[in-house]
Every structure is written in structure tokens, then in C-alpha cells.
Amino acid sequence: MYSVAGIALLGVAGFFIYQALSSSLVYFITPSEYAAEPAKYNGPIRLGGLVEENSVSYDESTTELSFKIGDGYAASNVLYTGAPPDLFKENTGVVVVGRFDDATFISNEVLVKHTEVYRPQEGKQVSIDELKDALQ
């Protein structure tokens, strides 16, 4: 009897853990994946791709940033309210977090892909002492 109650308790606990994890998942998709099955992605998602050329528009008075993100096959319009990240520019890899509202992706976060390789500016040498001071 105790083993049956223990198994039932583990089953209930497993169900609650599954529910908590599945409700907090944020999927990463590309614009072409969304275009293929838009009804499948109705919750919060992460949309990743490259910022397309000549698509960036920023209104400083309203802090609205609009741009297109594409993956080479499809593109999606993105609307973000807030200051763009420092590394944000055209032809840069980005991931935006939010949801689709009709054909426009309403983003509440913009993440910019950056390289992990540090290179000093061309023609400028960085001394080891300056580098140590900057890292402390």
C-alpha cells in the first residue's frame, strides 16, 4: 500500500514539474519556420536571424525600433520599444523575444550575437598593463 501511494505521489510530482517546465519554455525559431507553421507558435518565442539591410528604422522620440529579421528564405517585421543594444546593426545576428501580432513580431527583448574573440583596433597596440587594469 505504501509503494502504491509513493508511486502515485511521484506521478503527481512529475506532472507538476512537467507543467512548470513546459509553461516556462521559450522556443527558438527562424522566420522560415514560423512562415511554414504560424499556428504552431502562439506563445512567447525567440525569433533568430540576421537584421536585413535597409530595414532598420529608429524613432528617438518614441524609442520605437523597427527592422526586418531574415534567414535567407523568409523575413519577419519586428517592432521593439526601447533603445537598441550597442552592437545592433544591419547584417548582424540577433534573437528577439516576444510574440507575433498578425504579421509583425512584437519584441520585448533584443539580444545581439557577438564574437568571443577580442581584437584591438587596427593599428593600435594594447599593453598588458592596460589590459590587466581594465579587467580588475
N, C-alpha and C. Protein backbone atom coordinates (compact mmCIF):
# COMPACT_ATOMS: atom_id res chain seq x y z
N MET A 1 0.80 -1.18 0.00
CA MET A 1 0.00 0.00 0.00
C MET A 1 0.87 1.27 0.00
N TYR A 2 1.96 1.23 0.76
CA TYR A 2 2.84 2.39 0.80
C TYR A 2 3.55 2.60 -0.55
N SER A 3 3.88 1.50 -1.21
CA SER A 3 4.56 1.64 -2.51
C SER A 3 3.62 2.22 -3.56
N VAL A 4 2.34 1.86 -3.53
CA VAL A 4 1.36 2.42 -4.47
C VAL A 4 1.17 3.92 -4.20
N ALA A 5 1.10 4.29 -2.92
CA ALA A 5 0.97 5.72 -2.57
C ALA A 5 2.22 6.48 -2.98
N GLY A 6 3.40 5.87 -2.82
CA GLY A 6 4.66 6.51 -3.21
C GLY A 6 4.73 6.72 -4.72
N ILE A 7 4.28 5.71 -5.48
CA ILE A 7 4.28 5.83 -6.94
C ILE A 7 3.29 6.89 -7.39
N ALA A 8 2.14 6.93 -6.75
CA ALA A 8 1.14 7.96 -7.09
C ALA A 8 1.67 9.35 -6.76
N LEU A 9 2.34 9.49 -5.63
CA LEU A 9 2.92 10.78 -5.24
C LEU A 9 4.00 11.21 -6.22
N LEU A 10 4.84 10.29 -6.65
CA LEU A 10 5.87 10.60 -7.66
C LEU A 10 5.23 10.99 -8.99
N GLY A 11 4.14 10.32 -9.34
CA GLY A 11 3.43 10.66 -10.59
C GLY A 11 2.87 12.07 -10.55
N VAL A 12 2.27 12.43 -9.43
CA VAL A 12 1.71 13.78 -9.29
C VAL A 12 2.83 14.83 -9.30
N ALA A 13 3.91 14.55 -8.59
CA ALA A 13 5.04 15.48 -8.57
C ALA A 13 5.64 15.63 -9.97
N GLY A 14 5.76 14.52 -10.68
CA GLY A 14 6.27 14.58 -12.06
C GLY A 14 5.37 15.40 -12.97
N PHE A 15 4.06 15.25 -12.79
CA PHE A 15 3.12 16.03 -13.59
C PHE A 15 3.28 17.52 -13.34
N PHE A 16 3.40 17.92 -12.07
CA PHE A 16 3.56 19.34 -11.74
C PHE A 16 4.89 19.89 -12.25
N ILE A 17 5.94 19.12 -12.18
CA ILE A 17 7.24 19.54 -12.71
C ILE A 17 7.16 19.71 -14.21
N TYR A 18 6.52 18.79 -14.90
CA TYR A 18 6.35 18.90 -16.35
C TYR A 18 5.56 20.15 -16.72
N GLN A 19 4.47 20.41 -16.00
CA GLN A 19 3.65 21.60 -16.28
C GLN A 19 4.46 22.88 -16.08
N ALA A 20 5.24 22.94 -15.01
CA ALA A 20 6.03 24.14 -14.72
C ALA A 20 7.10 24.37 -15.79
N LEU A 21 7.76 23.31 -16.22
CA LEU A 21 8.80 23.44 -17.23
C LEU A 21 8.23 23.76 -18.61
N SER A 22 7.13 23.15 -18.96
CA SER A 22 6.57 23.39 -20.29
C SER A 22 5.98 24.79 -20.41
N SER A 23 5.49 25.36 -19.33
CA SER A 23 4.94 26.71 -19.41
C SER A 23 6.03 27.77 -19.42
N SER A 24 7.25 27.44 -18.99
CA SER A 24 8.32 28.43 -18.97
C SER A 24 9.27 28.29 -20.16
N LEU A 25 9.02 27.35 -21.06
CA LEU A 25 9.88 27.20 -22.22
C LEU A 25 9.64 28.31 -23.23
N VAL A 26 10.72 28.80 -23.82
CA VAL A 26 10.63 29.78 -24.88
C VAL A 26 11.34 29.17 -26.08
N TYR A 27 10.60 28.96 -27.17
CA TYR A 27 11.15 28.29 -28.33
C TYR A 27 11.98 29.24 -29.19
N PHE A 28 13.02 28.73 -29.81
CA PHE A 28 13.85 29.47 -30.74
C PHE A 28 13.53 28.99 -32.13
N ILE A 29 13.06 29.90 -32.99
CA ILE A 29 12.73 29.52 -34.36
C ILE A 29 13.29 30.57 -35.31
N THR A 30 13.28 30.24 -36.59
CA THR A 30 13.68 31.17 -37.64
C THR A 30 12.43 31.69 -38.35
N PRO A 31 12.54 32.78 -39.10
CA PRO A 31 11.36 33.28 -39.82
C PRO A 31 10.76 32.26 -40.78
N SER A 32 11.57 31.44 -41.43
CA SER A 32 11.01 30.45 -42.36
C SER A 32 10.26 29.35 -41.60
N GLU A 33 10.71 28.99 -40.40
CA GLU A 33 9.98 28.00 -39.61
C GLU A 33 8.62 28.57 -39.19
N TYR A 34 8.59 29.85 -38.83
CA TYR A 34 7.31 30.45 -38.47
C TYR A 34 6.39 30.53 -39.69
N ALA A 35 6.93 30.91 -40.84
CA ALA A 35 6.11 31.04 -42.06
C ALA A 35 5.50 29.70 -42.45
N ALA A 36 6.20 28.59 -42.18
CA ALA A 36 5.70 27.27 -42.55
C ALA A 36 4.52 26.84 -41.67
N GLU A 37 4.56 27.16 -40.38
CA GLU A 37 3.50 26.74 -39.46
C GLU A 37 3.21 27.84 -38.43
N PRO A 38 2.59 28.95 -38.82
CA PRO A 38 2.37 30.03 -37.87
C PRO A 38 1.45 29.67 -36.70
N ALA A 39 0.49 28.80 -36.91
CA ALA A 39 -0.44 28.44 -35.83
C ALA A 39 0.24 27.64 -34.72
N LYS A 40 1.36 27.03 -35.02
CA LYS A 40 2.07 26.21 -34.04
C LYS A 40 2.73 27.06 -32.95
N TYR A 41 3.05 28.31 -33.28
CA TYR A 41 3.81 29.17 -32.36
C TYR A 41 2.94 30.32 -31.87
N ASN A 42 2.07 30.05 -30.91
CA ASN A 42 1.17 31.09 -30.43
C ASN A 42 1.60 31.69 -29.11
N GLY A 43 2.58 31.14 -28.45
CA GLY A 43 3.05 31.67 -27.17
C GLY A 43 4.29 32.51 -27.35
N PRO A 44 4.94 32.84 -26.25
CA PRO A 44 6.19 33.59 -26.37
C PRO A 44 7.26 32.73 -27.03
N ILE A 45 7.97 33.34 -27.96
CA ILE A 45 9.01 32.62 -28.70
C ILE A 45 10.24 33.50 -28.85
N ARG A 46 11.31 32.87 -29.25
CA ARG A 46 12.53 33.58 -29.64
C ARG A 46 12.68 33.40 -31.14
N LEU A 47 12.83 34.52 -31.83
CA LEU A 47 12.97 34.52 -33.28
C LEU A 47 14.39 34.94 -33.59
N GLY A 48 15.11 34.12 -34.34
CA GLY A 48 16.51 34.40 -34.62
C GLY A 48 16.79 34.53 -36.10
N GLY A 49 17.75 35.37 -36.44
CA GLY A 49 18.17 35.56 -37.83
C GLY A 49 19.07 36.77 -37.95
N LEU A 50 19.23 37.25 -39.18
CA LEU A 50 20.05 38.42 -39.46
C LEU A 50 19.19 39.65 -39.68
N VAL A 51 19.65 40.80 -39.20
CA VAL A 51 18.96 42.05 -39.47
C VAL A 51 19.20 42.40 -40.93
N GLU A 52 18.12 42.54 -41.69
CA GLU A 52 18.25 42.79 -43.12
C GLU A 52 18.68 44.23 -43.40
N GLU A 53 19.41 44.39 -44.51
CA GLU A 53 19.91 45.70 -44.92
C GLU A 53 18.76 46.64 -45.25
N ASN A 54 18.96 47.91 -44.96
CA ASN A 54 18.00 48.98 -45.27
C ASN A 54 16.62 48.75 -44.66
N SER A 55 16.55 48.03 -43.55
CA SER A 55 15.25 47.77 -42.93
C SER A 55 15.14 48.40 -41.55
N VAL A 56 16.22 48.98 -41.05
CA VAL A 56 16.24 49.50 -39.68
C VAL A 56 15.69 50.92 -39.65
N SER A 57 14.75 51.15 -38.74
CA SER A 57 14.18 52.48 -38.53
C SER A 57 14.04 52.69 -37.03
N TYR A 58 14.59 53.81 -36.52
CA TYR A 58 14.53 54.09 -35.08
C TYR A 58 14.01 55.50 -34.88
N ASP A 59 12.95 55.63 -34.12
CA ASP A 59 12.36 56.92 -33.78
C ASP A 59 12.78 57.26 -32.35
N GLU A 60 13.66 58.25 -32.20
CA GLU A 60 14.19 58.58 -30.87
C GLU A 60 13.12 59.15 -29.94
N SER A 61 12.12 59.83 -30.49
CA SER A 61 11.10 60.43 -29.63
C SER A 61 10.21 59.38 -28.97
N THR A 62 9.91 58.30 -29.69
CA THR A 62 9.07 57.24 -29.12
C THR A 62 9.87 56.01 -28.74
N THR A 63 11.15 56.00 -29.03
CA THR A 63 12.07 54.86 -28.84
C THR A 63 11.56 53.59 -29.50
N GLU A 64 10.90 53.73 -30.65
CA GLU A 64 10.44 52.56 -31.40
C GLU A 64 11.49 52.18 -32.44
N LEU A 65 11.91 50.94 -32.34
CA LEU A 65 12.86 50.37 -33.29
C LEU A 65 12.12 49.35 -34.13
N SER A 66 12.16 49.53 -35.45
CA SER A 66 11.56 48.54 -36.33
C SER A 66 12.60 48.09 -37.34
N PHE A 67 12.57 46.81 -37.66
CA PHE A 67 13.52 46.24 -38.60
C PHE A 67 12.97 44.91 -39.08
N LYS A 68 13.65 44.36 -40.08
CA LYS A 68 13.30 43.02 -40.57
C LYS A 68 14.41 42.06 -40.18
N ILE A 69 13.98 40.88 -39.77
CA ILE A 69 14.92 39.82 -39.45
C ILE A 69 14.66 38.69 -40.44
N GLY A 70 15.72 38.19 -41.06
CA GLY A 70 15.57 37.15 -42.07
C GLY A 70 16.55 36.02 -41.88
N ASP A 71 16.26 34.92 -42.57
CA ASP A 71 17.14 33.76 -42.51
C ASP A 71 17.58 33.30 -43.89
N GLY A 72 17.37 34.12 -44.91
CA GLY A 72 17.74 33.75 -46.27
C GLY A 72 16.57 33.20 -47.06
N TYR A 73 15.52 32.76 -46.40
CA TYR A 73 14.35 32.21 -47.06
C TYR A 73 13.10 33.04 -46.80
N ALA A 74 12.97 33.54 -45.59
CA ALA A 74 11.81 34.35 -45.21
C ALA A 74 12.30 35.47 -44.30
N ALA A 75 11.46 36.48 -44.16
CA ALA A 75 11.78 37.61 -43.28
C ALA A 75 10.54 37.99 -42.49
N SER A 76 10.76 38.55 -41.31
CA SER A 76 9.66 38.98 -40.46
C SER A 76 9.92 40.40 -40.00
N ASN A 77 8.85 41.20 -39.96
CA ASN A 77 8.94 42.55 -39.42
C ASN A 77 8.96 42.47 -37.90
N VAL A 78 9.84 43.26 -37.29
CA VAL A 78 9.98 43.27 -35.83
C VAL A 78 9.76 44.69 -35.33
N LEU A 79 9.03 44.83 -34.24
CA LEU A 79 8.82 46.11 -33.59
C LEU A 79 9.25 45.98 -32.14
N TYR A 80 10.16 46.86 -31.74
CA TYR A 80 10.70 46.84 -30.37
C TYR A 80 10.65 48.25 -29.82
N THR A 81 10.21 48.41 -28.60
CA THR A 81 10.19 49.72 -27.95
C THR A 81 11.29 49.74 -26.91
N GLY A 82 12.25 50.62 -27.13
CA GLY A 82 13.39 50.75 -26.24
C GLY A 82 14.62 51.09 -27.04
N ALA A 83 15.67 51.41 -26.35
CA ALA A 83 16.93 51.73 -27.02
C ALA A 83 17.54 50.47 -27.62
N PRO A 84 18.07 50.56 -28.84
CA PRO A 84 18.70 49.38 -29.42
C PRO A 84 20.01 49.05 -28.70
N PRO A 85 20.37 47.79 -28.62
CA PRO A 85 21.64 47.42 -27.99
C PRO A 85 22.81 48.06 -28.74
N ASP A 86 23.93 48.23 -28.05
CA ASP A 86 25.10 48.89 -28.63
C ASP A 86 25.61 48.18 -29.88
N LEU A 87 25.56 46.87 -29.91
CA LEU A 87 26.11 46.11 -31.04
C LEU A 87 25.10 45.90 -32.16
N PHE A 88 23.91 46.46 -32.03
CA PHE A 88 22.86 46.26 -33.02
C PHE A 88 23.18 47.02 -34.30
N LYS A 89 23.17 46.33 -35.43
CA LYS A 89 23.36 46.95 -36.74
C LYS A 89 22.90 45.97 -37.81
N GLU A 90 22.87 46.45 -39.06
CA GLU A 90 22.43 45.61 -40.17
C GLU A 90 23.43 44.46 -40.39
N ASN A 91 22.93 43.34 -40.90
CA ASN A 91 23.72 42.13 -41.18
C ASN A 91 24.33 41.53 -39.92
N THR A 92 23.71 41.78 -38.77
CA THR A 92 24.17 41.21 -37.51
C THR A 92 23.16 40.17 -37.05
N GLY A 93 23.66 39.10 -36.47
CA GLY A 93 22.78 38.08 -35.93
C GLY A 93 22.10 38.57 -34.67
N VAL A 94 20.77 38.41 -34.62
CA VAL A 94 20.01 38.82 -33.44
C VAL A 94 18.99 37.74 -33.07
N VAL A 95 18.60 37.77 -31.83
CA VAL A 95 17.50 36.95 -31.34
C VAL A 95 16.56 37.91 -30.63
N VAL A 96 15.30 37.90 -31.03
CA VAL A 96 14.29 38.75 -30.41
C VAL A 96 13.30 37.88 -29.66
N VAL A 97 12.88 38.35 -28.51
CA VAL A 97 11.96 37.60 -27.66
C VAL A 97 10.62 38.32 -27.64
N GLY A 98 9.56 37.60 -27.87
CA GLY A 98 8.23 38.20 -27.86
C GLY A 98 7.21 37.28 -28.51
N ARG A 99 6.25 37.90 -29.23
CA ARG A 99 5.21 37.11 -29.89
C ARG A 99 4.74 37.83 -31.14
N PHE A 100 4.12 37.08 -32.03
CA PHE A 100 3.59 37.64 -33.26
C PHE A 100 2.22 38.25 -33.02
N ASP A 101 2.00 39.40 -33.63
CA ASP A 101 0.70 40.05 -33.68
C ASP A 101 0.42 40.28 -35.16
N ASP A 102 -0.37 39.41 -35.74
CA ASP A 102 -0.58 39.35 -37.20
C ASP A 102 0.78 39.08 -37.87
N ALA A 103 1.24 39.95 -38.74
CA ALA A 103 2.49 39.71 -39.47
C ALA A 103 3.69 40.36 -38.79
N THR A 104 3.47 41.09 -37.71
CA THR A 104 4.55 41.81 -37.03
C THR A 104 4.91 41.10 -35.73
N PHE A 105 6.21 40.95 -35.51
CA PHE A 105 6.71 40.35 -34.28
C PHE A 105 6.91 41.48 -33.26
N ILE A 106 6.18 41.45 -32.17
CA ILE A 106 6.29 42.46 -31.11
C ILE A 106 7.30 41.92 -30.09
N SER A 107 8.43 42.60 -30.03
CA SER A 107 9.52 42.13 -29.19
C SER A 107 9.62 42.91 -27.90
N ASN A 108 9.95 42.23 -26.82
CA ASN A 108 10.22 42.90 -25.55
C ASN A 108 11.68 42.77 -25.15
N GLU A 109 12.49 42.13 -26.00
CA GLU A 109 13.92 41.98 -25.74
C GLU A 109 14.64 41.72 -27.05
N VAL A 110 15.79 42.37 -27.22
CA VAL A 110 16.63 42.17 -28.41
C VAL A 110 18.01 41.74 -27.92
N LEU A 111 18.43 40.56 -28.35
CA LEU A 111 19.75 40.03 -28.00
C LEU A 111 20.61 40.02 -29.25
N VAL A 112 21.82 40.57 -29.17
CA VAL A 112 22.70 40.67 -30.32
C VAL A 112 23.82 39.65 -30.19
N LYS A 113 24.04 38.92 -31.25
CA LYS A 113 25.14 37.94 -31.27
C LYS A 113 26.44 38.70 -31.43
N HIS A 114 27.42 38.31 -30.66
CA HIS A 114 28.73 38.95 -30.78
C HIS A 114 29.80 37.88 -30.73
N THR A 115 30.96 38.25 -31.20
CA THR A 115 32.06 37.31 -31.23
C THR A 115 32.70 37.21 -29.85
N GLU A 116 33.31 36.09 -29.56
CA GLU A 116 34.01 35.90 -28.30
C GLU A 116 35.49 36.24 -28.43
N VAL A 117 35.89 36.64 -29.61
CA VAL A 117 37.30 36.92 -29.87
C VAL A 117 37.54 38.41 -29.67
N TYR A 118 38.50 38.75 -28.81
CA TYR A 118 38.86 40.14 -28.60
C TYR A 118 39.98 40.51 -29.56
N ARG A 119 39.79 41.61 -30.26
CA ARG A 119 40.83 42.13 -31.15
C ARG A 119 40.94 43.62 -30.90
N PRO A 120 42.15 44.13 -30.66
CA PRO A 120 42.29 45.58 -30.50
C PRO A 120 42.06 46.28 -31.84
N GLN A 121 41.75 47.57 -31.79
CA GLN A 121 41.56 48.32 -33.01
C GLN A 121 42.80 48.23 -33.88
N GLU A 122 42.56 48.22 -35.18
CA GLU A 122 43.68 48.10 -36.12
C GLU A 122 44.65 49.26 -35.92
N GLY A 123 45.93 48.94 -35.91
CA GLY A 123 46.97 49.95 -35.77
C GLY A 123 47.20 50.40 -34.35
N LYS A 124 46.49 49.84 -33.40
CA LYS A 124 46.64 50.23 -32.01
C LYS A 124 47.08 49.04 -31.18
N GLN A 125 48.15 49.18 -30.45
CA GLN A 125 48.65 48.13 -29.58
C GLN A 125 48.07 48.32 -28.18
N VAL A 126 47.74 47.25 -27.54
CA VAL A 126 47.25 47.29 -26.18
C VAL A 126 48.31 46.71 -25.28
N SER A 127 48.69 47.48 -24.26
CA SER A 127 49.72 46.98 -23.35
C SER A 127 49.09 45.99 -22.38
N ILE A 128 49.90 45.10 -21.90
CA ILE A 128 49.43 44.09 -20.95
C ILE A 128 48.96 44.76 -19.66
N ASP A 129 49.65 45.81 -19.23
CA ASP A 129 49.24 46.51 -18.00
C ASP A 129 47.87 47.16 -18.16
N GLU A 130 47.59 47.79 -19.32
CA GLU A 130 46.28 48.39 -19.56
C GLU A 130 45.19 47.33 -19.57
N LEU A 131 45.49 46.19 -20.16
CA LEU A 131 44.52 45.10 -20.21
C LEU A 131 44.22 44.57 -18.80
N LYS A 132 45.26 44.40 -17.99
CA LYS A 132 45.06 43.94 -16.61
C LYS A 132 44.23 44.92 -15.82
N ASP A 133 44.53 46.22 -15.98
CA ASP A 133 43.77 47.25 -15.27
C ASP A 133 42.30 47.25 -15.68
N ALA A 134 42.04 47.04 -16.96
CA ALA A 134 40.66 47.04 -17.45
C ALA A 134 39.87 45.84 -16.93
N LEU A 135 40.55 44.74 -16.67
CA LEU A 135 39.87 43.53 -16.22
C LEU A 135 39.68 43.47 -14.71
N GLN A 136 40.29 44.38 -13.97
CA GLN A 136 40.17 44.35 -12.50
C GLN A 136 38.98 45.12 -12.03
